[in-house]
Amino acid sequence: AIKMGDKIAVLRTGGKLAQYASPAELLMYPADEFIEDFVGADRALKRLALQRVRDIDLWRAATVRAGEPTEEARRKVADADLEIPLLVDEQGRPQGWLSERGMAGERVRPELRSRAEPTVELDDVLRDALADLIESEVHYSPVVDAEGCVAGVLSLEVISQTLQIPPEQVRTGPDLVGPGDEKVAGSEGASR
């Protein structure tokens, strides 16, 4: 394989072009059995290595602060993609998922149902973020920016929906190493 910009050319023995496509297209739509064998059986998981958390549409979080009027917090929950409010500190950093008791009075109280763990960063590769969710045995996690402030929520459902997106619509960062990049021209075994 030879990486050419945003595309990869996979060559058969003798230098014949087998497929020229983006990494996502190679993984989702291999041209034939040769390409399927080339990219391997775990194509969906490899695709997760092509994107960072910042490249996908996250759920909107209902971020609330201790002392905030409960009525206002409930409006935020109604507008969010997740019905569980996320308690944040004054700087917007996640503290934990708020319990129903925390929303029971006139003002939000810092009574947590669970800590906000794991916390995923916008620059994390999706494959690593998925591993964090699975290892922590949770379905969703707050996503934070470089300052540690909440940027959204990543969930198993969001990751699953991301894998359904056609490859031509996949947003990937230029700094990512995609599947097959270790087989770049000039490296050992550059073509099959």
N, C-alpha and C. Protein backbone atom coordinates (compact mmCIF):
# COMPACT_ATOMS: atom_id res chain seq x y z
N ALA A 1 0.85 -1.18 0.00
CA ALA A 1 0.00 0.00 0.00
C ALA A 1 0.88 1.24 0.00
N ILE A 2 0.39 2.26 -0.66
CA ILE A 2 1.10 3.54 -0.71
C ILE A 2 0.11 4.61 -0.30
N LYS A 3 0.44 5.37 0.75
CA LYS A 3 -0.43 6.45 1.18
C LYS A 3 -0.12 7.68 0.35
N MET A 4 -1.17 8.26 -0.25
CA MET A 4 -1.04 9.44 -1.09
C MET A 4 -2.03 10.48 -0.59
N GLY A 5 -1.58 11.36 0.28
CA GLY A 5 -2.48 12.37 0.83
C GLY A 5 -3.54 11.72 1.70
N ASP A 6 -4.80 11.95 1.36
CA ASP A 6 -5.91 11.40 2.11
C ASP A 6 -6.37 10.06 1.56
N LYS A 7 -5.69 9.54 0.57
CA LYS A 7 -6.08 8.28 -0.08
C LYS A 7 -4.97 7.25 0.06
N ILE A 8 -5.34 6.00 -0.09
CA ILE A 8 -4.39 4.90 -0.06
C ILE A 8 -4.57 4.08 -1.32
N ALA A 9 -3.47 3.77 -1.96
CA ALA A 9 -3.49 2.88 -3.12
C ALA A 9 -3.00 1.51 -2.67
N VAL A 10 -3.83 0.51 -2.83
CA VAL A 10 -3.44 -0.86 -2.50
C VAL A 10 -3.09 -1.55 -3.80
N LEU A 11 -1.87 -2.08 -3.84
CA LEU A 11 -1.37 -2.70 -5.07
C LEU A 11 -1.30 -4.22 -4.90
N ARG A 12 -1.66 -4.90 -5.96
CA ARG A 12 -1.51 -6.36 -6.01
C ARG A 12 -0.06 -6.67 -6.38
N THR A 13 0.30 -7.94 -6.30
CA THR A 13 1.61 -8.38 -6.75
C THR A 13 1.80 -7.93 -8.19
N GLY A 14 2.96 -7.43 -8.49
CA GLY A 14 3.22 -6.92 -9.83
C GLY A 14 2.88 -5.45 -9.98
N GLY A 15 2.47 -4.79 -8.89
CA GLY A 15 2.19 -3.37 -8.93
C GLY A 15 0.86 -2.99 -9.54
N LYS A 16 -0.07 -3.94 -9.68
CA LYS A 16 -1.39 -3.63 -10.24
C LYS A 16 -2.28 -3.05 -9.15
N LEU A 17 -2.96 -1.95 -9.49
CA LEU A 17 -3.83 -1.26 -8.54
C LEU A 17 -5.04 -2.13 -8.20
N ALA A 18 -5.22 -2.40 -6.91
CA ALA A 18 -6.38 -3.17 -6.46
C ALA A 18 -7.51 -2.24 -6.02
N GLN A 19 -7.16 -1.16 -5.31
CA GLN A 19 -8.16 -0.17 -4.89
C GLN A 19 -7.44 1.10 -4.48
N TYR A 20 -8.04 2.23 -4.84
CA TYR A 20 -7.54 3.55 -4.47
C TYR A 20 -8.70 4.25 -3.77
N ALA A 21 -8.56 4.51 -2.47
CA ALA A 21 -9.67 5.06 -1.71
C ALA A 21 -9.16 5.68 -0.41
N SER A 22 -10.07 6.37 0.26
CA SER A 22 -9.74 6.89 1.59
C SER A 22 -9.65 5.70 2.55
N PRO A 23 -8.95 5.88 3.68
CA PRO A 23 -8.89 4.78 4.64
C PRO A 23 -10.27 4.28 5.06
N ALA A 24 -11.20 5.21 5.28
CA ALA A 24 -12.55 4.80 5.68
C ALA A 24 -13.24 3.99 4.59
N GLU A 25 -13.08 4.40 3.33
CA GLU A 25 -13.68 3.65 2.23
C GLU A 25 -13.08 2.25 2.11
N LEU A 26 -11.77 2.15 2.27
CA LEU A 26 -11.13 0.83 2.22
C LEU A 26 -11.71 -0.09 3.29
N LEU A 27 -11.92 0.45 4.47
CA LEU A 27 -12.42 -0.36 5.57
C LEU A 27 -13.89 -0.72 5.41
N MET A 28 -14.69 0.21 4.92
CA MET A 28 -16.13 -0.05 4.80
C MET A 28 -16.52 -0.74 3.51
N TYR A 29 -15.84 -0.41 2.42
CA TYR A 29 -16.22 -0.95 1.11
C TYR A 29 -15.01 -1.54 0.40
N PRO A 30 -14.45 -2.63 0.91
CA PRO A 30 -13.33 -3.24 0.20
C PRO A 30 -13.79 -3.70 -1.19
N ALA A 31 -12.97 -3.43 -2.20
CA ALA A 31 -13.35 -3.70 -3.59
C ALA A 31 -13.55 -5.19 -3.86
N ASP A 32 -12.77 -6.02 -3.19
CA ASP A 32 -12.87 -7.46 -3.45
C ASP A 32 -12.27 -8.23 -2.28
N GLU A 33 -12.19 -9.54 -2.45
CA GLU A 33 -11.68 -10.41 -1.39
C GLU A 33 -10.22 -10.09 -1.04
N PHE A 34 -9.44 -9.71 -2.04
CA PHE A 34 -8.04 -9.35 -1.80
C PHE A 34 -7.94 -8.18 -0.82
N ILE A 35 -8.76 -7.16 -1.05
CA ILE A 35 -8.76 -5.98 -0.17
C ILE A 35 -9.30 -6.35 1.21
N GLU A 36 -10.36 -7.17 1.26
CA GLU A 36 -10.88 -7.61 2.55
C GLU A 36 -9.79 -8.30 3.36
N ASP A 37 -9.03 -9.16 2.71
CA ASP A 37 -7.93 -9.85 3.38
C ASP A 37 -6.85 -8.86 3.81
N PHE A 38 -6.59 -7.88 2.96
CA PHE A 38 -5.56 -6.88 3.24
C PHE A 38 -5.88 -6.06 4.49
N VAL A 39 -7.13 -5.60 4.61
CA VAL A 39 -7.50 -4.75 5.75
C VAL A 39 -7.83 -5.57 6.99
N GLY A 40 -8.16 -6.84 6.84
CA GLY A 40 -8.40 -7.70 7.98
C GLY A 40 -9.84 -7.78 8.41
N ALA A 41 -10.09 -8.70 9.31
CA ALA A 41 -11.46 -8.99 9.74
C ALA A 41 -12.02 -7.93 10.69
N ASP A 42 -11.18 -7.22 11.39
CA ASP A 42 -11.65 -6.24 12.38
C ASP A 42 -11.73 -4.83 11.79
N ARG A 43 -12.33 -4.73 10.61
CA ARG A 43 -12.38 -3.44 9.90
C ARG A 43 -13.08 -2.35 10.70
N ALA A 44 -14.18 -2.69 11.37
CA ALA A 44 -14.91 -1.66 12.13
C ALA A 44 -14.05 -1.09 13.25
N LEU A 45 -13.31 -1.96 13.94
CA LEU A 45 -12.44 -1.48 15.01
C LEU A 45 -11.30 -0.63 14.46
N LYS A 46 -10.78 -1.01 13.31
CA LYS A 46 -9.72 -0.22 12.70
C LYS A 46 -10.23 1.16 12.31
N ARG A 47 -11.48 1.22 11.89
CA ARG A 47 -12.05 2.52 11.52
C ARG A 47 -12.07 3.46 12.72
N LEU A 48 -12.27 2.92 13.91
CA LEU A 48 -12.28 3.76 15.11
C LEU A 48 -10.92 4.42 15.35
N ALA A 49 -9.87 3.84 14.80
CA ALA A 49 -8.53 4.42 14.95
C ALA A 49 -8.32 5.60 14.00
N LEU A 50 -9.25 5.81 13.08
CA LEU A 50 -9.12 6.89 12.10
C LEU A 50 -9.69 8.22 12.59
N GLN A 51 -10.44 8.18 13.67
CA GLN A 51 -11.12 9.39 14.11
C GLN A 51 -10.80 9.71 15.56
N ARG A 52 -10.84 10.98 15.83
CA ARG A 52 -10.72 11.46 17.21
C ARG A 52 -12.12 11.81 17.71
N VAL A 53 -12.26 11.89 18.99
CA VAL A 53 -13.55 12.22 19.59
C VAL A 53 -14.06 13.54 19.04
N ARG A 54 -13.18 14.51 18.81
CA ARG A 54 -13.59 15.83 18.31
C ARG A 54 -14.21 15.76 16.91
N ASP A 55 -13.98 14.65 16.18
CA ASP A 55 -14.46 14.52 14.81
C ASP A 55 -15.90 14.03 14.70
N ILE A 56 -16.52 13.68 15.82
CA ILE A 56 -17.87 13.11 15.75
C ILE A 56 -18.86 14.00 16.49
N ASP A 57 -20.13 13.75 16.24
CA ASP A 57 -21.20 14.51 16.90
C ASP A 57 -21.48 13.90 18.27
N LEU A 58 -21.14 14.63 19.30
CA LEU A 58 -21.35 14.18 20.67
C LEU A 58 -22.76 14.53 21.13
N TRP A 59 -23.20 13.88 22.18
CA TRP A 59 -24.45 14.27 22.81
C TRP A 59 -24.24 15.59 23.55
N ARG A 60 -25.31 16.40 23.58
CA ARG A 60 -25.30 17.62 24.39
C ARG A 60 -25.50 17.23 25.85
N ALA A 61 -24.68 17.78 26.72
CA ALA A 61 -24.78 17.48 28.15
C ALA A 61 -25.59 18.56 28.86
N ALA A 62 -26.34 18.14 29.86
CA ALA A 62 -27.04 19.08 30.73
C ALA A 62 -26.10 19.39 31.89
N THR A 63 -25.29 20.43 31.73
CA THR A 63 -24.34 20.79 32.78
C THR A 63 -25.00 21.74 33.76
N VAL A 64 -24.93 21.38 35.03
CA VAL A 64 -25.55 22.18 36.09
C VAL A 64 -24.52 22.42 37.19
N ARG A 65 -24.77 23.48 37.95
CA ARG A 65 -23.87 23.84 39.06
C ARG A 65 -24.62 23.78 40.38
N ALA A 66 -23.91 23.46 41.43
CA ALA A 66 -24.51 23.47 42.77
C ALA A 66 -25.01 24.88 43.06
N GLY A 67 -26.21 24.97 43.61
CA GLY A 67 -26.80 26.26 43.93
C GLY A 67 -27.65 26.86 42.82
N GLU A 68 -27.56 26.30 41.64
CA GLU A 68 -28.35 26.77 40.50
C GLU A 68 -29.83 26.44 40.76
N PRO A 69 -30.76 27.30 40.34
CA PRO A 69 -32.18 26.97 40.50
C PRO A 69 -32.52 25.65 39.80
N THR A 70 -33.23 24.78 40.50
CA THR A 70 -33.58 23.47 39.96
C THR A 70 -34.42 23.60 38.69
N GLU A 71 -35.28 24.59 38.64
CA GLU A 71 -36.12 24.80 37.46
C GLU A 71 -35.25 25.03 36.21
N GLU A 72 -34.22 25.84 36.36
CA GLU A 72 -33.29 26.09 35.25
C GLU A 72 -32.55 24.81 34.87
N ALA A 73 -32.14 24.05 35.88
CA ALA A 73 -31.43 22.78 35.63
C ALA A 73 -32.33 21.81 34.88
N ARG A 74 -33.61 21.76 35.23
CA ARG A 74 -34.54 20.85 34.55
C ARG A 74 -34.72 21.25 33.08
N ARG A 75 -34.71 22.55 32.79
CA ARG A 75 -34.79 23.00 31.39
C ARG A 75 -33.57 22.51 30.62
N LYS A 76 -32.41 22.60 31.25
CA LYS A 76 -31.18 22.12 30.60
C LYS A 76 -31.28 20.63 30.29
N VAL A 77 -31.81 19.87 31.24
CA VAL A 77 -31.96 18.42 31.04
C VAL A 77 -32.92 18.16 29.87
N ALA A 78 -34.00 18.93 29.79
CA ALA A 78 -34.97 18.74 28.71
C ALA A 78 -34.36 19.03 27.34
N ASP A 79 -33.40 19.94 27.28
CA ASP A 79 -32.76 20.31 26.01
C ASP A 79 -31.55 19.44 25.67
N ALA A 80 -31.12 18.61 26.59
CA ALA A 80 -29.92 17.79 26.39
C ALA A 80 -30.26 16.46 25.74
N ASP A 81 -29.23 15.75 25.31
CA ASP A 81 -29.41 14.43 24.70
C ASP A 81 -29.39 13.31 25.74
N LEU A 82 -29.02 13.63 26.97
CA LEU A 82 -28.96 12.66 28.05
C LEU A 82 -29.77 13.22 29.21
N GLU A 83 -30.63 12.40 29.78
CA GLU A 83 -31.55 12.87 30.82
C GLU A 83 -30.91 13.00 32.20
N ILE A 84 -29.65 12.67 32.32
CA ILE A 84 -28.98 12.75 33.61
C ILE A 84 -28.10 14.00 33.64
N PRO A 85 -28.36 14.92 34.57
CA PRO A 85 -27.55 16.14 34.63
C PRO A 85 -26.12 15.85 35.10
N LEU A 86 -25.20 16.62 34.55
CA LEU A 86 -23.78 16.50 34.89
C LEU A 86 -23.40 17.71 35.74
N LEU A 87 -23.04 17.45 36.97
CA LEU A 87 -22.62 18.53 37.87
C LEU A 87 -21.22 18.98 37.48
N VAL A 88 -21.06 20.29 37.30
CA VAL A 88 -19.75 20.86 36.96
C VAL A 88 -19.38 21.89 38.01
N ASP A 89 -18.07 22.16 38.12
CA ASP A 89 -17.62 23.20 39.04
C ASP A 89 -17.75 24.56 38.36
N GLU A 90 -17.28 25.60 39.01
CA GLU A 90 -17.40 26.96 38.47
C GLU A 90 -16.67 27.15 37.15
N GLN A 91 -15.64 26.35 36.89
CA GLN A 91 -14.90 26.45 35.63
C GLN A 91 -15.50 25.57 34.53
N GLY A 92 -16.53 24.79 34.85
CA GLY A 92 -17.16 23.92 33.87
C GLY A 92 -16.55 22.54 33.78
N ARG A 93 -15.75 22.16 34.78
CA ARG A 93 -15.13 20.83 34.80
C ARG A 93 -16.10 19.83 35.45
N PRO A 94 -16.20 18.63 34.89
CA PRO A 94 -17.16 17.65 35.40
C PRO A 94 -16.81 17.16 36.80
N GLN A 95 -17.85 17.08 37.65
CA GLN A 95 -17.68 16.58 39.02
C GLN A 95 -18.34 15.21 39.18
N GLY A 96 -19.47 15.02 38.52
CA GLY A 96 -20.17 13.74 38.61
C GLY A 96 -21.59 13.86 38.07
N TRP A 97 -22.22 12.68 37.97
CA TRP A 97 -23.60 12.62 37.49
C TRP A 97 -24.51 12.85 38.70
N LEU A 98 -25.39 13.82 38.57
CA LEU A 98 -26.24 14.25 39.69
C LEU A 98 -27.34 13.23 39.97
N SER A 99 -27.61 13.00 41.25
CA SER A 99 -28.69 12.10 41.64
C SER A 99 -30.02 12.86 41.61
N GLU A 100 -31.12 12.12 41.70
CA GLU A 100 -32.44 12.75 41.75
C GLU A 100 -32.56 13.61 43.00
N ARG A 101 -31.94 13.17 44.10
CA ARG A 101 -31.97 13.97 45.34
C ARG A 101 -31.31 15.32 45.13
N GLY A 102 -30.30 15.38 44.29
CA GLY A 102 -29.62 16.63 44.02
C GLY A 102 -30.50 17.64 43.30
N MET A 103 -31.58 17.14 42.68
CA MET A 103 -32.51 18.01 41.94
C MET A 103 -33.84 18.16 42.68
N ALA A 104 -33.93 17.67 43.92
CA ALA A 104 -35.21 17.62 44.63
C ALA A 104 -35.67 18.97 45.19
N GLY A 105 -34.77 19.82 45.59
CA GLY A 105 -35.17 21.09 46.21
C GLY A 105 -35.31 22.21 45.20
N GLU A 106 -35.31 23.43 45.70
CA GLU A 106 -35.40 24.60 44.83
C GLU A 106 -34.08 24.91 44.14
N ARG A 107 -32.99 24.44 44.74
CA ARG A 107 -31.66 24.66 44.17
C ARG A 107 -30.93 23.33 44.08
N VAL A 108 -30.07 23.24 43.07
CA VAL A 108 -29.29 22.03 42.85
C VAL A 108 -28.33 21.82 44.03
N ARG A 109 -28.36 20.59 44.56
CA ARG A 109 -27.43 20.21 45.63
C ARG A 109 -26.42 19.22 45.06
N PRO A 110 -25.17 19.25 45.50
CA PRO A 110 -24.13 18.38 44.94
C PRO A 110 -24.21 16.94 45.46
N GLU A 111 -25.34 16.29 45.21
CA GLU A 111 -25.51 14.89 45.60
C GLU A 111 -25.39 14.04 44.34
N LEU A 112 -24.30 13.29 44.28
CA LEU A 112 -23.98 12.54 43.06
C LEU A 112 -24.50 11.12 43.09
N ARG A 113 -24.91 10.64 41.92
CA ARG A 113 -25.23 9.22 41.77
C ARG A 113 -23.96 8.46 41.45
N SER A 114 -23.01 9.13 40.73
CA SER A 114 -21.71 8.52 40.44
C SER A 114 -20.72 9.60 40.00
N ARG A 115 -19.45 9.27 40.10
CA ARG A 115 -18.40 10.18 39.63
C ARG A 115 -18.46 10.27 38.11
N ALA A 116 -17.90 11.30 37.57
CA ALA A 116 -17.84 11.50 36.11
C ALA A 116 -16.60 10.79 35.58
N GLU A 117 -16.61 9.47 35.63
CA GLU A 117 -15.45 8.69 35.20
C GLU A 117 -15.89 7.57 34.28
N PRO A 118 -15.12 7.26 33.29
CA PRO A 118 -13.90 7.95 32.90
C PRO A 118 -14.23 9.29 32.26
N THR A 119 -13.27 10.13 32.14
CA THR A 119 -13.42 11.37 31.38
C THR A 119 -12.62 11.21 30.10
N VAL A 120 -13.27 11.49 28.99
CA VAL A 120 -12.65 11.35 27.67
C VAL A 120 -12.27 12.74 27.18
N GLU A 121 -11.15 12.84 26.48
CA GLU A 121 -10.72 14.14 25.94
C GLU A 121 -11.05 14.24 24.46
N LEU A 122 -11.30 15.47 24.00
CA LEU A 122 -11.61 15.70 22.59
C LEU A 122 -10.54 15.14 21.66
N ASP A 123 -9.28 15.16 22.08
CA ASP A 123 -8.19 14.69 21.23
C ASP A 123 -7.97 13.18 21.30
N ASP A 124 -8.73 12.47 22.13
CA ASP A 124 -8.58 11.01 22.21
C ASP A 124 -9.03 10.35 20.90
N VAL A 125 -8.36 9.29 20.53
CA VAL A 125 -8.77 8.48 19.38
C VAL A 125 -10.00 7.69 19.81
N LEU A 126 -10.98 7.56 18.92
CA LEU A 126 -12.23 6.87 19.27
C LEU A 126 -11.99 5.46 19.79
N ARG A 127 -11.05 4.75 19.21
CA ARG A 127 -10.75 3.39 19.65
C ARG A 127 -10.37 3.39 21.14
N ASP A 128 -9.54 4.35 21.55
CA ASP A 128 -9.12 4.44 22.95
C ASP A 128 -10.28 4.86 23.85
N ALA A 129 -11.11 5.77 23.36
CA ALA A 129 -12.27 6.21 24.14
C ALA A 129 -13.24 5.05 24.36
N LEU A 130 -13.46 4.24 23.32
CA LEU A 130 -14.31 3.06 23.46
C LEU A 130 -13.73 2.11 24.50
N ALA A 131 -12.44 1.89 24.45
CA ALA A 131 -11.79 1.02 25.43
C ALA A 131 -11.99 1.55 26.85
N ASP A 132 -11.90 2.87 27.03
CA ASP A 132 -12.13 3.47 28.35
C ASP A 132 -13.54 3.19 28.85
N LEU A 133 -14.54 3.35 27.96
CA LEU A 133 -15.93 3.09 28.35
C LEU A 133 -16.12 1.64 28.75
N ILE A 134 -15.59 0.73 27.94
CA ILE A 134 -15.76 -0.70 28.21
C ILE A 134 -15.05 -1.10 29.50
N GLU A 135 -13.82 -0.65 29.66
CA GLU A 135 -13.05 -1.00 30.87
C GLU A 135 -13.70 -0.45 32.14
N SER A 136 -14.36 0.70 32.03
CA SER A 136 -15.02 1.31 33.19
C SER A 136 -16.44 0.79 33.38
N GLU A 137 -16.90 -0.03 32.44
CA GLU A 137 -18.24 -0.61 32.49
C GLU A 137 -19.33 0.45 32.57
N VAL A 138 -19.19 1.49 31.72
CA VAL A 138 -20.20 2.54 31.63
C VAL A 138 -20.65 2.67 30.18
N HIS A 139 -21.83 3.26 30.00
CA HIS A 139 -22.38 3.44 28.66
C HIS A 139 -22.07 4.82 28.09
N TYR A 140 -21.70 5.76 28.95
CA TYR A 140 -21.41 7.11 28.48
C TYR A 140 -20.42 7.78 29.42
N SER A 141 -19.81 8.86 28.90
CA SER A 141 -18.77 9.55 29.65
C SER A 141 -18.72 11.01 29.22
N PRO A 142 -18.40 11.91 30.16
CA PRO A 142 -18.22 13.30 29.74
C PRO A 142 -16.96 13.43 28.88
N VAL A 143 -17.04 14.33 27.92
CA VAL A 143 -15.89 14.66 27.07
C VAL A 143 -15.45 16.06 27.46
N VAL A 144 -14.14 16.23 27.64
CA VAL A 144 -13.62 17.53 28.04
C VAL A 144 -12.66 18.08 26.99
N ASP A 145 -12.55 19.41 26.97
CA ASP A 145 -11.62 20.08 26.07
C ASP A 145 -10.24 20.17 26.74
N ALA A 146 -9.34 20.91 26.13
CA ALA A 146 -7.96 21.02 26.64
C ALA A 146 -7.90 21.65 28.03
N GLU A 147 -8.89 22.47 28.39
CA GLU A 147 -8.93 23.09 29.72
C GLU A 147 -9.65 22.23 30.74
N GLY A 148 -10.18 21.09 30.32
CA GLY A 148 -10.89 20.21 31.23
C GLY A 148 -12.36 20.53 31.37
N CYS A 149 -12.88 21.43 30.53
CA CYS A 149 -14.30 21.81 30.57
C CYS A 149 -15.12 20.86 29.71
N VAL A 150 -16.37 20.64 30.11
CA VAL A 150 -17.25 19.72 29.40
C VAL A 150 -17.54 20.23 27.99
N ALA A 151 -17.32 19.34 27.01
CA ALA A 151 -17.59 19.65 25.60
C ALA A 151 -18.76 18.83 25.07
N GLY A 152 -19.18 17.83 25.81
CA GLY A 152 -20.27 16.96 25.38
C GLY A 152 -20.19 15.63 26.11
N VAL A 153 -20.95 14.67 25.59
CA VAL A 153 -20.98 13.33 26.17
C VAL A 153 -20.76 12.31 25.06
N LEU A 154 -19.86 11.38 25.30
CA LEU A 154 -19.62 10.27 24.38
C LEU A 154 -20.31 9.04 24.95
N SER A 155 -21.01 8.30 24.09
CA SER A 155 -21.69 7.09 24.55
C SER A 155 -21.41 5.94 23.59
N LEU A 156 -21.71 4.74 24.05
CA LEU A 156 -21.60 3.58 23.18
C LEU A 156 -22.52 3.75 21.97
N GLU A 157 -23.68 4.35 22.19
CA GLU A 157 -24.63 4.59 21.10
C GLU A 157 -24.05 5.56 20.07
N VAL A 158 -23.40 6.62 20.52
CA VAL A 158 -22.78 7.58 19.60
C VAL A 158 -21.71 6.89 18.77
N ILE A 159 -20.90 6.05 19.40
CA ILE A 159 -19.84 5.34 18.67
C ILE A 159 -20.46 4.40 17.64
N SER A 160 -21.50 3.69 18.04
CA SER A 160 -22.19 2.78 17.11
C SER A 160 -22.76 3.55 15.92
N GLN A 161 -23.38 4.69 16.18
CA GLN A 161 -23.93 5.51 15.09
C GLN A 161 -22.82 6.02 14.18
N THR A 162 -21.67 6.34 14.75
CA THR A 162 -20.53 6.81 13.97
C THR A 162 -20.08 5.76 12.96
N LEU A 163 -20.13 4.50 13.36
CA LEU A 163 -19.72 3.42 12.46
C LEU A 163 -20.70 3.22 11.31
N GLN A 164 -21.90 3.79 11.42
CA GLN A 164 -22.90 3.68 10.36
C GLN A 164 -22.74 4.77 9.29
N ILE A 165 -21.93 5.78 9.58
CA ILE A 165 -21.76 6.91 8.66
C ILE A 165 -21.00 6.46 7.43
N PRO A 166 -21.50 6.82 6.23
CA PRO A 166 -20.78 6.47 5.00
C PRO A 166 -19.37 7.05 5.01
N PRO A 167 -18.40 6.33 4.44
CA PRO A 167 -17.00 6.75 4.53
C PRO A 167 -16.72 8.12 3.94
N GLU A 168 -17.48 8.54 2.94
CA GLU A 168 -17.22 9.85 2.35
C GLU A 168 -17.60 10.99 3.29
N GLN A 169 -18.37 10.68 4.34
CA GLN A 169 -18.76 11.70 5.32
C GLN A 169 -17.94 11.63 6.60
N VAL A 170 -17.00 10.69 6.68
CA VAL A 170 -16.18 10.53 7.88
C VAL A 170 -15.18 11.66 7.96
N ARG A 171 -15.17 12.34 9.12
CA ARG A 171 -14.20 13.41 9.37
C ARG A 171 -13.04 12.79 10.14
N THR A 172 -11.84 12.97 9.62
CA THR A 172 -10.67 12.46 10.32
C THR A 172 -9.64 13.56 10.42
N GLY A 173 -8.91 13.55 11.50
CA GLY A 173 -7.85 14.53 11.70
C GLY A 173 -6.64 14.19 10.87
N PRO A 174 -5.89 15.20 10.40
CA PRO A 174 -4.72 14.95 9.57
C PRO A 174 -3.57 14.31 10.33
N ASP A 175 -3.62 14.34 11.65
CA ASP A 175 -2.51 13.82 12.45
C ASP A 175 -2.68 12.37 12.85
N LEU A 176 -3.73 11.73 12.35
CA LEU A 176 -3.97 10.35 12.74
C LEU A 176 -3.22 9.38 11.86
N VAL A 177 -2.82 8.29 12.45
CA VAL A 177 -2.21 7.19 11.71
C VAL A 177 -3.31 6.18 11.49
N GLY A 178 -3.65 5.95 10.25
CA GLY A 178 -4.73 5.03 9.94
C GLY A 178 -4.24 3.62 9.73
N PRO A 179 -5.18 2.67 9.67
CA PRO A 179 -4.82 1.29 9.41
C PRO A 179 -4.05 1.20 8.11
N GLY A 180 -2.99 0.47 8.10
CA GLY A 180 -2.20 0.29 6.89
C GLY A 180 -1.09 1.31 6.75
N ASP A 181 -1.06 2.35 7.61
CA ASP A 181 -0.01 3.35 7.49
C ASP A 181 1.37 2.78 7.74
N GLU A 182 1.43 1.66 8.46
CA GLU A 182 2.72 1.04 8.67
C GLU A 182 3.21 0.37 7.39
N LYS A 183 2.35 0.32 6.38
CA LYS A 183 2.71 -0.29 5.11
C LYS A 183 2.89 0.79 4.04
N VAL A 184 3.54 1.87 4.38
CA VAL A 184 3.74 3.00 3.47
C VAL A 184 4.92 2.73 2.56
N ALA A 185 4.88 3.30 1.37
CA ALA A 185 5.96 3.10 0.40
C ALA A 185 7.31 3.34 1.05
N GLY A 186 8.25 2.47 0.73
CA GLY A 186 9.58 2.61 1.29
C GLY A 186 9.77 1.76 2.53
N SER A 187 8.67 1.25 3.09
CA SER A 187 8.82 0.38 4.26
C SER A 187 8.91 -1.06 3.79
N GLU A 188 9.29 -1.93 4.69
CA GLU A 188 9.41 -3.33 4.35
C GLU A 188 8.04 -3.87 3.94
N GLY A 189 7.96 -4.62 2.87
CA GLY A 189 6.71 -5.23 2.44
C GLY A 189 5.68 -4.21 2.03
N ALA A 190 6.07 -3.16 1.31
CA ALA A 190 5.15 -2.09 0.95
C ALA A 190 4.06 -2.55 0.01
N SER A 191 4.28 -3.60 -0.75
CA SER A 191 3.22 -4.10 -1.62
C SER A 191 3.08 -5.59 -1.43
N ARG A 192 1.93 -6.08 -1.79
CA ARG A 192 1.67 -7.51 -1.67
C ARG A 192 1.69 -8.15 -3.02
